[in-house]
Structures are given as structure tokens and as C-alpha cells.
């Protein structure tokens, strides 16, 4: 480790940024270059890395965002993009970077959290993180409003500059998807998902001033996000999104809507949390899918 250099906030340093993107692509299949080139890497995404010359060999990234929990805003740190190049493993690099992150943010932060895969479940408890369960919510669906025959609903095309600008505008001005448990101040994460995960699932409901991210799978409509500048009318939105065979809505966030009989089942997401200052993490929630780092 002695010959390695600690580096951070290097998004404008081409060799380091390019190396980081290559490592992320090789490890997780992430494509980050277009996300950066479009200006979506903002100051809330901060890599903590070790470099060997101009080559990034290990990383732990910090995502600064605000959680809305029962209507109250909570500043939080989400950790993600934890990577070590295969040639540099078993040197304690990830642990050393985690210590740097905790030193920088741990003392004044009410909540730090991350989503871990099965191969590293024993790693994060060393730093005071503990597993937390989530719930996946769903509801039987029967239209409460008649379908609007001339509803203006348009599939957005992320390769179209105008459509991408619409999405980015909504991302920067959106309301949290839920007041029970939602996220704010995370447009960069949302834009990553639009570019890399949900490019075929973006629907613009112009009359409702809403962008919905959803996917029909058999009789289930999977709703990943509802992006709006004001509280949306979910019943109006679903009357336009659901097809004639839809019998269930699956919410990939914590719904707080009236007029539904919502049920939930345990959902093993690999969520780990570390709380401070007496903060109590809520039970029975689902972190919004489009702001998981």
C-alpha cells in the first residue's frame, strides 16, 4: 500500500476518471462515461480511491443525499461502488478506504448505509454496520377511474437530447416519491438509472406532469418511480399506465397512497445501516429503487 496514493474528487482529471470508469465497468458492468459527459456526475458523488500512478485500483464512493422519513428530512450518506482490482486484493485497501470515509463523515451523520452483495456480508459489520430488512409492497389493481382514451402518454427516448433534458429537469425539481420514506437531492443517481437501467421504461404523462418508470410483466405493473414536481394523482396515472390485463401493482419504493389495500412481503436487499445521534431507522420500508448506489 505504501506506493499507492489516496485520491478523491478527481472527476476532471481525465486519466484517473477514465481508469475508475474502466474498473467499474470490468467489475460491475457499469457504464459511467455518458453519465459524466452529460453532466450528471455532481458534487454529491465523491469517490475515495487508491491510485497506482494514473490507475485507480480500489474505490469506495460516497453519495450524499437526503432521506424523507415520515415527512422529516434526514441527511444521509450512502456508500457504493466498492471495488478493488483483482491484482490489488488482500491488501486491506477497501478497509482503509472505509476508515477514511468514516473519519470524514461518521461523527456528524445520523445515518450511513449501503447495499451489499452476498460475497461481502461479513465485511461491513466490522465498521459498525448492521443488516436491516426491507419490504416489497404491492396492491391488487382494479381501475377506480375510467381509462382516458386520448391521454397524452409518450415513451421517452434517452438518445434524444430534448427527452433527456426533460428527464433531467424533472430529476432536479422532483418531490420525493414518498413522504413515509423517500429520497431527495439525488438527481445524479436517478439519471444514472435512466441512462443505464430503465432506458426502455420511461413514460411521460404530459397532462399529469409526471414521468413514470414502469414495466409490465404479465399481470403485474412494476412501478419503479413516479417523478413529479408536485404530489401526483396516482390513480389517474395508473389508469393510463396499466393495461387491460393488469391485476397487481408492485411498488419498488414505499408507497404512501390512499385508496389502495397495500400488502408487503420481506425483501432481502442486502441493506446495511449505521446510525448515530440516537437516530432510529424505520421498519417496514422499501428504499426507492432509483436511488440505490
Foldseek 3Di string as FASTA:
>chain_A
DVQKDKDKPCLVPVLQVVQLQVQLCVPPVAHCPVLVVVPLPDPQKMWTFIANVSHTFWIKIWGWWWKQALNDTFTEIEIDPGDGHPVPPPPCRSVVSVVVVCVVPVPPHFKYKAADDPVCLVPVVVVVKDDAWEKWKKFWDDQPDAADPPFDKDQAACVDPVSVVLLLVLLQQWDFQDNNIGIPPQSSLLSSCCVPPQVRQWMQRPVQQWIWGWDDDQQEIETQGIGHNDDTDVSNVCSHVHDPSHTMYIYQWFDDDPDTDMDIDIDRRRMIMHGDPPDDDDHHTHYRPSRHD
